[in-house]
C-alpha atoms as a PDB file:
ATOM      1  CA  MET A   1     -51.965  -8.835  71.904  1.00  0.00           C
ATOM      2  CA  SER A   2     -53.014  -4.664  71.097  1.00  0.00           C
ATOM      3  CA  ASP A   3     -50.035  -4.582  69.225  1.00  0.00           C
ATOM      4  CA  SER A   4     -50.218  -7.587  66.901  1.00  0.00           C
ATOM      5  CA  LYS A   5     -53.752  -5.870  66.520  1.00  0.00           C
ATOM      6  CA  THR A   6     -51.548  -2.522  65.647  1.00  0.00           C
ATOM      7  CA  PHE A   7     -49.467  -4.468  63.421  1.00  0.00           C
ATOM      8  CA  GLN A   8     -51.695  -6.404  61.145  1.00  0.00           C
ATOM      9  CA  GLY A   9     -54.410  -3.688  61.035  1.00  0.00           C
ATOM     10  CA  GLY A  10     -51.824  -0.845  59.829  1.00  0.00           C
ATOM     11  CA  VAL A  11     -50.767   2.516  60.793  1.00  0.00           C
ATOM     12  CA  PRO A  12     -53.207   5.099  59.171  1.00  0.00           C
ATOM     13  CA  GLY A  13     -50.587   6.264  56.059  1.00  0.00           C
ATOM     14  CA  VAL A  14     -48.315   3.840  56.421  1.00  0.00           C
ATOM     15  CA  LYS A  15     -48.152   0.440  53.886  1.00  0.00           C
ATOM     16  CA  ALA A  16     -48.739  -2.755  55.587  1.00  0.00           C
ATOM     17  CA  ILE A  17     -45.119  -5.299  55.241  1.00  0.00           C
ATOM     18  CA  SER A  18     -45.841  -8.920  55.410  1.00  0.00           C
ATOM     19  CA  PRO A  19     -43.882 -10.771  57.221  1.00  0.00           C
ATOM     20  CA  SER A  20     -43.052 -13.654  54.352  1.00  0.00           C
ATOM     21  CA  GLN A  21     -41.258 -10.725  52.219  1.00  0.00           C
ATOM     22  CA  PRO A  22     -37.655  -9.332  53.927  1.00  0.00           C
ATOM     23  CA  PRO A  23     -37.674  -5.310  54.820  1.00  0.00           C
ATOM     24  CA  VAL A  24     -36.932  -3.123  51.537  1.00  0.00           C
ATOM     25  CA  GLN A  25     -33.220  -1.633  52.829  1.00  0.00           C
ATOM     26  CA  PRO A  26     -33.148   2.380  52.104  1.00  0.00           C
ATOM     27  CA  HIS A  27     -31.600   3.061  49.318  1.00  0.00           C
ATOM     28  CA  SER A  28     -30.997  -0.281  47.964  1.00  0.00           C
ATOM     29  CA  LYS A  29     -32.105   0.507  44.220  1.00  0.00           C
ATOM     30  CA  LYS A  30     -29.698   3.055  44.003  1.00  0.00           C
ATOM     31  CA  ARG A  31     -26.940   1.169  45.254  1.00  0.00           C
ATOM     32  CA  LYS A  32     -27.677  -2.147  42.536  1.00  0.00           C
ATOM     33  CA  ARG A  33     -27.718   0.484  39.939  1.00  0.00           C
ATOM     34  CA  ASP A  34     -24.304   1.900  40.914  1.00  0.00           C
ATOM     35  CA  ALA A  35     -22.703  -1.415  40.666  1.00  0.00           C
ATOM     36  CA  GLU A  36     -24.557  -2.478  37.436  1.00  0.00           C
ATOM     37  CA  SER A  37     -22.718   0.662  36.448  1.00  0.00           C
ATOM     38  CA  SER A  38     -19.894  -0.208  37.856  1.00  0.00           C
ATOM     39  CA  ASN A  39     -19.434  -3.407  36.467  1.00  0.00           C
ATOM     40  CA  THR A  40     -20.250  -2.063  33.236  1.00  0.00           C
ATOM     41  CA  GLU A  41     -17.870   0.450  32.848  1.00  0.00           C
ATOM     42  CA  GLY A  42     -15.244  -1.963  34.476  1.00  0.00           C
ATOM     43  CA  GLN A  43     -16.168  -4.615  31.485  1.00  0.00           C
ATOM     44  CA  ARG A  44     -15.565  -1.535  29.063  1.00  0.00           C
ATOM     45  CA  LYS A  45     -12.579  -0.796  30.323  1.00  0.00           C
ATOM     46  CA  PHE A  46     -11.215  -4.423  30.130  1.00  0.00           C
ATOM     47  CA  LYS A  47     -12.536  -4.564  26.485  1.00  0.00           C
ATOM     48  CA  LYS A  48     -10.711  -0.994  25.270  1.00  0.00           C
ATOM     49  CA  LYS A  49      -7.395  -2.495  27.144  1.00  0.00           C
ATOM     50  CA  LYS A  50      -7.729  -5.741  25.291  1.00  0.00           C
ATOM     51  CA  PHE A  51      -8.197  -3.948  21.997  1.00  0.00           C
ATOM     52  CA  LYS A  52      -5.238  -1.378  22.262  1.00  0.00           C
ATOM     53  CA  LYS A  53      -3.100  -4.870  23.040  1.00  0.00           C
ATOM     54  CA  ALA A  54      -4.067  -6.352  19.637  1.00  0.00           C
ATOM     55  CA  LYS A  55      -1.876  -5.083  17.007  1.00  0.00           C
ATOM     56  CA  LYS A  56      -2.416  -4.471  13.334  1.00  0.00           C
ATOM     57  CA  PRO A  57      -0.467  -5.836  10.838  1.00  0.00           C
ATOM     58  CA  GLU A  58       0.962  -2.247  10.017  1.00  0.00           C
ATOM     59  CA  ASP A  59       1.703  -1.123  13.338  1.00  0.00           C
ATOM     60  CA  ILE A  60       3.828  -4.628  13.521  1.00  0.00           C
ATOM     61  CA  GLN A  61       5.697  -2.866  11.207  1.00  0.00           C
ATOM     62  CA  ASP A  62       6.219   0.399  12.716  1.00  0.00           C
ATOM     63  CA  ASP A  63       9.682  -0.199  13.927  1.00  0.00           C
ATOM     64  CA  ALA A  64      10.671  -0.626   9.897  1.00  0.00           C
ATOM     65  CA  LEU A  65       9.458   2.674   9.275  1.00  0.00           C
ATOM     66  CA  ASP A  66      11.808   5.963   9.235  1.00  0.00           C
ATOM     67  CA  MET A  67       9.634   8.551   8.523  1.00  0.00           C
ATOM     68  CA  THR A  68      12.776  10.784   8.616  1.00  0.00           C
ATOM     69  CA  ALA A  69      14.143   9.605   5.222  1.00  0.00           C
ATOM     70  CA  ARG A  70      10.508   8.532   4.548  1.00  0.00           C
ATOM     71  CA  VAL A  71      11.217   4.976   3.701  1.00  0.00           C
ATOM     72  CA  ASN A  72       9.506   1.751   4.532  1.00  0.00           C
ATOM     73  CA  HIS A  73      13.360  -0.396   5.091  1.00  0.00           C
ATOM     74  CA  ALA A  74      10.972  -3.974   5.456  1.00  0.00           C
ATOM     75  CA  ILE A  75      10.908  -3.835   1.581  1.00  0.00           C
ATOM     76  CA  ALA A  76      14.690  -4.192   1.154  1.00  0.00           C
ATOM     77  CA  HIS A  77      14.349  -7.016   3.167  1.00  0.00           C
ATOM     78  CA  MET A  78      11.575  -8.812   0.490  1.00  0.00           C
ATOM     79  CA  ASP A  79      13.117 -11.501  -1.648  1.00  0.00           C
ATOM     80  CA  SER A  80      11.001 -12.541  -4.758  1.00  0.00           C
ATOM     81  CA  ARG A  81       8.170 -15.295  -3.075  1.00  0.00           C
ATOM     82  CA  LEU A  82       7.445 -12.531   0.026  1.00  0.00           C
ATOM     83  CA  LEU A  83       7.052  -9.692  -2.270  1.00  0.00           C
ATOM     84  CA  ALA A  84       4.956 -11.832  -4.616  1.00  0.00           C
ATOM     85  CA  ASP A  85       2.799 -12.705  -1.307  1.00  0.00           C
ATOM     86  CA  HIS A  86       2.788  -9.422   0.236  1.00  0.00           C
ATOM     87  CA  VAL A  87       1.368  -7.958  -3.240  1.00  0.00           C
ATOM     88  CA  ALA A  88      -1.507 -10.577  -3.401  1.00  0.00           C
ATOM     89  CA  GLN A  89      -2.585 -10.100   0.449  1.00  0.00           C
ATOM     90  CA  ARG A  90      -2.897  -6.926  -0.156  1.00  0.00           C
ATOM     91  CA  THR A  91      -4.404  -6.829  -3.582  1.00  0.00           C
ATOM     92  CA  LYS A  92      -6.971  -9.167  -1.692  1.00  0.00           C
ATOM     93  CA  ARG A  93      -7.654  -7.282   1.546  1.00  0.00           C
ATOM     94  CA  PHE A  94      -8.503  -4.168  -1.346  1.00  0.00           C
ATOM     95  CA  GLU A  95     -10.539  -6.271  -3.148  1.00  0.00           C
ATOM     96  CA  SER A  96     -12.255  -8.215  -1.154  1.00  0.00           C
ATOM     97  CA  ASP A  97     -14.933  -8.554  -3.848  1.00  0.00           C
ATOM     98  CA  LEU A  98     -12.933 -10.404  -6.439  1.00  0.00           C
ATOM     99  CA  SER A  99     -13.784 -14.319  -6.904  1.00  0.00           C
ATOM    100  CA  LEU A 100     -10.699 -16.639  -6.970  1.00  0.00           C
ATOM    101  CA  VAL A 101     -10.638 -16.251 -10.785  1.00  0.00           C
ATOM    102  CA  GLU A 102      -9.776 -12.905 -10.769  1.00  0.00           C
ATOM    103  CA  LEU A 103      -7.678 -12.729  -8.222  1.00  0.00           C
ATOM    104  CA  GLU A 104      -5.644 -15.344  -9.859  1.00  0.00           C
ATOM    105  CA  ASP A 105      -5.747 -12.761 -12.963  1.00  0.00           C
ATOM    106  CA  ARG A 106      -4.313 -10.305 -10.996  1.00  0.00           C
ATOM    107  CA  TYR A 107      -1.678 -12.474  -9.447  1.00  0.00           C
ATOM    108  CA  ILE A 108       2.201 -11.457  -9.943  1.00  0.00           C
ATOM    109  CA  PRO A 109       3.837 -14.282  -9.958  1.00  0.00           C
ATOM    110  CA  GLU A 110       7.359 -14.750  -8.436  1.00  0.00           C
ATOM    111  CA  LYS A 111       9.132 -15.118 -11.328  1.00  0.00           C
ATOM    112  CA  ALA A 112       8.769 -11.907 -12.523  1.00  0.00           C
ATOM    113  CA  ILE A 113      10.142 -10.100  -9.562  1.00  0.00           C
ATOM    114  CA  LEU A 114      13.778  -9.899  -9.291  1.00  0.00           C
ATOM    115  CA  ASP A 115      15.409 -10.465  -6.112  1.00  0.00           C
ATOM    116  CA  THR A 116      17.261  -7.526  -4.984  1.00  0.00           C
ATOM    117  CA  THR A 117      17.748  -7.974  -1.251  1.00  0.00           C
ATOM    118  CA  THR A 118      21.775  -7.687  -2.103  1.00  0.00           C
ATOM    119  CA  TRP A 119      21.218  -3.788  -1.884  1.00  0.00           C
ATOM    120  CA  GLU A 120      22.425  -2.679   1.342  1.00  0.00           C
ATOM    121  CA  LYS A 121      22.413   0.948   0.607  1.00  0.00           C
ATOM    122  CA  PRO A 122      19.095   3.134   1.999  1.00  0.00           C
ATOM    123  CA  ARG A 123      16.406   3.133  -0.891  1.00  0.00           C
ATOM    124  CA  ASP A 124      15.846   6.658  -0.731  1.00  0.00           C
ATOM    125  CA  LEU A 125      16.613   8.771  -4.148  1.00  0.00           C
ATOM    126  CA  ALA A 126      19.898   9.628  -3.825  1.00  0.00           C
ATOM    127  CA  SER A 127      20.738   6.022  -4.064  1.00  0.00           C
ATOM    128  CA  LEU A 128      17.994   5.165  -6.814  1.00  0.00           C
ATOM    129  CA  PRO A 129      20.665   5.820  -9.635  1.00  0.00           C
ATOM    130  CA  GLU A 130      22.934   3.249  -8.496  1.00  0.00           C
ATOM    131  CA  PHE A 131      20.981   1.144  -7.477  1.00  0.00           C
ATOM    132  CA  LEU A 132      19.318   0.537 -11.431  1.00  0.00           C
ATOM    133  CA  SER A 133      22.636   0.474 -12.366  1.00  0.00           C
ATOM    134  CA  GLN A 134      23.481  -2.239 -10.128  1.00  0.00           C
ATOM    135  CA  PHE A 135      20.256  -4.738 -10.698  1.00  0.00           C
ATOM    136  CA  SER A 136      19.751  -3.539 -14.913  1.00  0.00           C
ATOM    137  CA  GLU A 137      21.436  -4.902 -17.725  1.00  0.00           C
ATOM    138  CA  GLN A 138      24.154  -2.391 -18.126  1.00  0.00           C
ATOM    139  CA  ASN A 139      26.792  -4.787 -15.720  1.00  0.00           C
ATOM    140  CA  LYS A 140      25.948  -7.879 -18.520  1.00  0.00           C
ATOM    141  CA  GLY A 141      26.368  -6.167 -21.729  1.00  0.00           C
ATOM    142  CA  GLY A 142      23.009  -5.266 -22.233  1.00  0.00           C
ATOM    143  CA  GLN A 143      21.391  -1.629 -23.224  1.00  0.00           C
ATOM    144  CA  LYS A 144      22.867   1.111 -21.422  1.00  0.00           C
ATOM    145  CA  LEU A 145      20.053   2.962 -19.056  1.00  0.00           C
ATOM    146  CA  SER A 146      21.627   6.577 -20.925  1.00  0.00           C
ATOM    147  CA  ALA A 147      20.381   4.943 -24.384  1.00  0.00           C
ATOM    148  CA  ALA A 148      16.736   4.779 -26.190  1.00  0.00           C
ATOM    149  CA  LEU A 149      15.802   3.200 -29.613  1.00  0.00           C
ATOM    150  CA  LYS A 150      15.245   5.423 -32.675  1.00  0.00           C
ATOM    151  CA  LYS A 151      11.406   4.926 -32.112  1.00  0.00           C
ATOM    152  CA  ASN A 152       9.576   7.957 -29.652  1.00  0.00           C
ATOM    153  CA  GLY A 153       7.891   6.519 -26.828  1.00  0.00           C
ATOM    154  CA  SER A 154       9.789   3.220 -26.719  1.00  0.00           C
ATOM    155  CA  PRO A 155      11.477   3.175 -23.009  1.00  0.00           C
ATOM    156  CA  HIS A 156      13.195   0.499 -21.724  1.00  0.00           C
ATOM    157  CA  THR A 157      12.657   1.265 -18.277  1.00  0.00           C
ATOM    158  CA  ILE A 158       9.575   2.517 -16.433  1.00  0.00           C
ATOM    159  CA  VAL A 159       9.365   4.055 -13.075  1.00  0.00           C
ATOM    160  CA  VAL A 160       5.559   3.498 -10.799  1.00  0.00           C
ATOM    161  CA  THR A 161       4.830   5.704  -7.874  1.00  0.00           C
ATOM    162  CA  GLY A 162       1.962   7.010  -6.050  1.00  0.00           C
ATOM    163  CA  ALA A 163       2.090  10.459  -6.357  1.00  0.00           C
ATOM    164  CA  GLY A 164       2.356  13.279  -9.349  1.00  0.00           C
ATOM    165  CA  ARG A 165       5.106  15.160  -6.579  1.00  0.00           C
ATOM    166  CA  ARG A 166       6.914  12.215  -6.145  1.00  0.00           C
ATOM    167  CA  ALA A 167       7.226  11.638  -9.895  1.00  0.00           C
ATOM    168  CA  ALA A 168       8.692  15.054  -9.927  1.00  0.00           C
ATOM    169  CA  ASP A 169      11.657  13.625  -7.403  1.00  0.00           C
ATOM    170  CA  LEU A 170      12.436  10.411  -8.864  1.00  0.00           C
ATOM    171  CA  THR A 171      12.822  12.175 -12.367  1.00  0.00           C
ATOM    172  CA  ARG A 172      15.085  14.943 -11.100  1.00  0.00           C
ATOM    173  CA  ALA A 173      17.147  11.892  -9.607  1.00  0.00           C
ATOM    174  CA  LEU A 174      17.590  10.256 -12.778  1.00  0.00           C
ATOM    175  CA  ARG A 175      18.297  12.611 -14.663  1.00  0.00           C
ATOM    176  CA  LYS A 176      22.186  11.957 -14.766  1.00  0.00           C
ATOM    177  CA  PHE A 177      20.721   9.121 -17.488  1.00  0.00           C
ATOM    178  CA  GLN A 178      19.115  11.748 -19.316  1.00  0.00           C
ATOM    179  CA  THR A 179      21.449  13.140 -23.028  1.00  0.00           C
ATOM    180  CA  LYS A 180      20.502  15.089 -26.088  1.00  0.00           C
ATOM    181  CA  ASP A 181      19.229  11.744 -27.758  1.00  0.00           C
ATOM    182  CA  THR A 182      16.788  10.364 -25.057  1.00  0.00           C
ATOM    183  CA  MET A 183      14.926  11.701 -22.038  1.00  0.00           C
ATOM    184  CA  VAL A 184      14.204  10.814 -19.073  1.00  0.00           C
ATOM    185  CA  ALA A 185      10.337  11.435 -18.982  1.00  0.00           C
ATOM    186  CA  LYS A 186       7.605  12.829 -16.666  1.00  0.00           C
ATOM    187  CA  LEU A 187       4.612  11.416 -17.403  1.00  0.00           C
ATOM    188  CA  PHE A 188       2.577  12.577 -14.517  1.00  0.00           C
ATOM    189  CA  ALA A 189       1.965  15.795 -12.384  1.00  0.00           C
ATOM    190  CA  LYS A 190      -1.012  17.267 -11.446  1.00  0.00           C
ATOM    191  CA  HIS A 191      -0.614  20.702 -13.775  1.00  0.00           C
ATOM    192  CA  ILE A 192       0.359  18.242 -16.878  1.00  0.00           C
ATOM    193  CA  LYS A 193      -3.052  16.657 -18.984  1.00  0.00           C
ATOM    194  CA  LEU A 194      -3.218  13.517 -20.544  1.00  0.00           C
ATOM    195  CA  THR A 195      -3.268  14.672 -23.910  1.00  0.00           C
ATOM    196  CA  GLU A 196       0.062  16.879 -22.936  1.00  0.00           C
ATOM    197  CA  ALA A 197       1.515  13.777 -21.707  1.00  0.00           C
ATOM    198  CA  VAL A 198       0.696  11.881 -25.029  1.00  0.00           C
ATOM    199  CA  GLU A 199       2.659  14.697 -26.970  1.00  0.00           C
ATOM    200  CA  THR A 200       5.157  14.018 -24.732  1.00  0.00           C
ATOM    201  CA  VAL A 201       5.455  10.662 -25.577  1.00  0.00           C
ATOM    202  CA  LYS A 202       4.847  10.728 -29.320  1.00  0.00           C
ATOM    203  CA  ARG A 203       7.608  13.577 -30.258  1.00  0.00           C
ATOM    204  CA  ASN A 204      10.154  11.837 -28.219  1.00  0.00           C
ATOM    205  CA  ARG A 205      13.099   9.199 -27.415  1.00  0.00           C
ATOM    206  CA  ILE A 206      12.026   7.825 -24.235  1.00  0.00           C
ATOM    207  CA  GLY A 207      14.919   5.772 -21.776  1.00  0.00           C
ATOM    208  CA  ILE A 208      13.198   6.023 -18.600  1.00  0.00           C
ATOM    209  CA  GLY A 209       9.426   7.059 -18.189  1.00  0.00           C
ATOM    210  CA  ILE A 210       8.195   7.471 -14.971  1.00  0.00           C
ATOM    211  CA  GLY A 211       4.856   7.978 -14.087  1.00  0.00           C
ATOM    212  CA  THR A 212       1.722   6.830 -11.894  1.00  0.00           C
ATOM    213  CA  PRO A 213      -0.036   4.054 -12.397  1.00  0.00           C
ATOM    214  CA  GLN A 214      -3.744   5.120 -13.388  1.00  0.00           C
ATOM    215  CA  ARG A 215      -1.310   7.517 -15.894  1.00  0.00           C
ATOM    216  CA  LEU A 216       0.833   5.233 -17.423  1.00  0.00           C
ATOM    217  CA  THR A 217      -2.232   2.808 -18.482  1.00  0.00           C
ATOM    218  CA  ASP A 218      -4.072   5.302 -19.724  1.00  0.00           C
ATOM    219  CA  LEU A 219      -0.846   5.912 -22.249  1.00  0.00           C
ATOM    220  CA  LEU A 220      -0.663   2.365 -22.745  1.00  0.00           C
ATOM    221  CA  ASP A 221      -4.634   2.138 -23.532  1.00  0.00           C
ATOM    222  CA  ASP A 222      -4.089   5.167 -25.881  1.00  0.00           C
ATOM    223  CA  GLY A 223      -1.123   3.060 -27.607  1.00  0.00           C
ATOM    224  CA  VAL A 224       1.571   6.109 -27.805  1.00  0.00           C
ATOM    225  CA  LEU A 225       3.761   4.256 -25.051  1.00  0.00           C
ATOM    226  CA  SER A 226       5.199   1.405 -26.581  1.00  0.00           C
ATOM    227  CA  THR A 227       6.580  -1.692 -24.405  1.00  0.00           C
ATOM    228  CA  ALA A 228       7.950  -3.507 -27.656  1.00  0.00           C
ATOM    229  CA  HIS A 229      11.624  -3.116 -25.934  1.00  0.00           C
ATOM    230  CA  LEU A 230      10.783  -2.441 -22.038  1.00  0.00           C
ATOM    231  CA  LYS A 231      12.969  -4.657 -19.918  1.00  0.00           C
ATOM    232  CA  ARG A 232      12.008  -3.513 -16.445  1.00  0.00           C
ATOM    233  CA  ILE A 233       9.705  -1.687 -14.684  1.00  0.00           C
ATOM    234  CA  VAL A 234      10.727   0.138 -10.996  1.00  0.00           C
ATOM    235  CA  ILE A 235       8.026   0.295  -8.402  1.00  0.00           C
ATOM    236  CA  ASP A 236       8.470   2.942  -6.086  1.00  0.00           C
ATOM    237  CA  ALA A 237       7.697   0.443  -2.740  1.00  0.00           C
ATOM    238  CA  SER A 238       9.790   1.680  -0.023  1.00  0.00           C
ATOM    239  CA  HIS A 239       8.690   5.371  -0.136  1.00  0.00           C
ATOM    240  CA  ILE A 240       6.288   6.251   2.805  1.00  0.00           C
ATOM    241  CA  ASP A 241       4.583   9.727   2.936  1.00  0.00           C
ATOM    242  CA  ILE A 242       3.883  11.939   6.072  1.00  0.00           C
ATOM    243  CA  LYS A 243       1.329   9.061   7.241  1.00  0.00           C
ATOM    244  CA  LYS A 244       3.465   5.916   6.980  1.00  0.00           C
ATOM    245  CA  ARG A 245       1.844   4.463   4.014  1.00  0.00           C
ATOM    246  CA  GLY A 246       3.472   3.969   0.227  1.00  0.00           C
ATOM    247  CA  ILE A 247       2.338   2.845  -3.228  1.00  0.00           C
ATOM    248  CA  LEU A 248       1.047  -0.620  -1.503  1.00  0.00           C
ATOM    249  CA  ASP A 249      -0.697   0.314   1.074  1.00  0.00           C
ATOM    250  CA  MET A 250      -3.610   2.562  -0.260  1.00  0.00           C
ATOM    251  CA  LYS A 251      -6.103   1.447  -2.252  1.00  0.00           C
ATOM    252  CA  GLU A 252      -5.932   4.127  -5.144  1.00  0.00           C
ATOM    253  CA  THR A 253      -2.635   3.226  -5.624  1.00  0.00           C
ATOM    254  CA  GLU A 254      -2.240  -0.503  -5.017  1.00  0.00           C
ATOM    255  CA  VAL A 255      -5.208  -1.557  -7.053  1.00  0.00           C
ATOM    256  CA  PRO A 256      -4.280   0.369 -10.044  1.00  0.00           C
ATOM    257  CA  LEU A 257      -0.617  -0.727  -9.749  1.00  0.00           C
ATOM    258  CA  VAL A 258      -1.440  -4.224  -9.619  1.00  0.00           C
ATOM    259  CA  GLN A 259      -4.057  -4.058 -12.567  1.00  0.00           C
ATOM    260  CA  LEU A 260      -1.142  -1.729 -14.671  1.00  0.00           C
ATOM    261  CA  LEU A 261       1.450  -4.884 -13.872  1.00  0.00           C
ATOM    262  CA  ALA A 262      -1.316  -7.506 -14.756  1.00  0.00           C
ATOM    263  CA  ARG A 263      -1.814  -6.328 -17.616  1.00  0.00           C
ATOM    264  CA  GLU A 264      -1.772  -9.316 -20.324  1.00  0.00           C
ATOM    265  CA  GLU A 265       1.567  -7.943 -22.856  1.00  0.00           C
ATOM    266  CA  PHE A 266       3.401  -7.662 -19.490  1.00  0.00           C
ATOM    267  CA  LYS A 267       2.433 -11.395 -17.683  1.00  0.00           C
ATOM    268  CA  LYS A 268       3.208 -13.281 -21.038  1.00  0.00           C
ATOM    269  CA  ARG A 269       7.069 -11.780 -21.174  1.00  0.00           C
ATOM    270  CA  TYR A 270       7.490 -12.463 -17.127  1.00  0.00           C
ATOM    271  CA  GLY A 271      10.310 -14.858 -16.842  1.00  0.00           C
ATOM    272  CA  GLY A 272      10.515 -15.094 -20.629  1.00  0.00           C
ATOM    273  CA  SER A 273      13.559 -15.473 -22.181  1.00  0.00           C
ATOM    274  CA  SER A 274      16.689 -12.891 -22.047  1.00  0.00           C
ATOM    275  CA  ASP A 275      15.406 -11.095 -25.231  1.00  0.00           C
ATOM    276  CA  GLU A 276      11.516 -10.698 -24.239  1.00  0.00           C
ATOM    277  CA  LYS A 277      11.654 -10.560 -20.389  1.00  0.00           C
ATOM    278  CA  ILE A 278      10.307  -8.385 -18.313  1.00  0.00           C
ATOM    279  CA  GLU A 279      12.096  -7.996 -14.816  1.00  0.00           C
ATOM    280  CA  LEU A 280       9.867  -6.307 -11.888  1.00  0.00           C
ATOM    281  CA  LEU A 281      12.455  -4.504  -8.994  1.00  0.00           C
ATOM    282  CA  PHE A 282      10.516  -3.420  -6.232  1.00  0.00           C
ATOM    283  CA  TYR A 283      13.097  -0.637  -4.543  1.00  0.00           C
END
């Protein structure tokens, strides 16, 4: 009896425990926190592991990227329809704020793109002259790549690339088509100002002009570069930089490229008659 009273009355300095509640085990709160922390960490690891397994579209194509030659071999396997879809997807991605009507204005039709999937050689600098010769009108009795109109600044071929240094490399590769009467013109480099490029176009008969999308657009807007006799636009699409990016993979180059290709004076001649038609070649 005395023991019961002692329990109920409690011992001085010790908190009484209600018989209806189970005793609190020592360190139970710490174990609970440790368990919760362990579960949270496990969930984080699971999510991190799950995220790593989900590949982005760019990662899936890594096996097509030749970093030694700096070439994306996937471009070579895309026919006209696939290239048109590929460019449209890139445009939708980089210009997500455009309306459906605006996206339609940017769309490059399949009929504009020449199918070059029959080309089996590497799409590098060394093979570019032969590539152009095979897919130009040179083999169809048309204008030779080494020819140029008497009118200055009126090329038959424009090559579009992503950077000034690359433009210089392409110009050297295509110099075999330059003669004393016709120029293979580099229309962009970091040290060449727009005014200098304008003077170059004005003073020379140009057969092939090579530049970046924005520089070519500036020359067209200025009116100095004529497209009246333009036969083809070659896009330097297979070349990639050290970060595995090509002209279609960067917003700063893809957007001005598509704006250039979607110019009204070009679009009305895509898929037109043989005399006026402009063809797009993705190299």
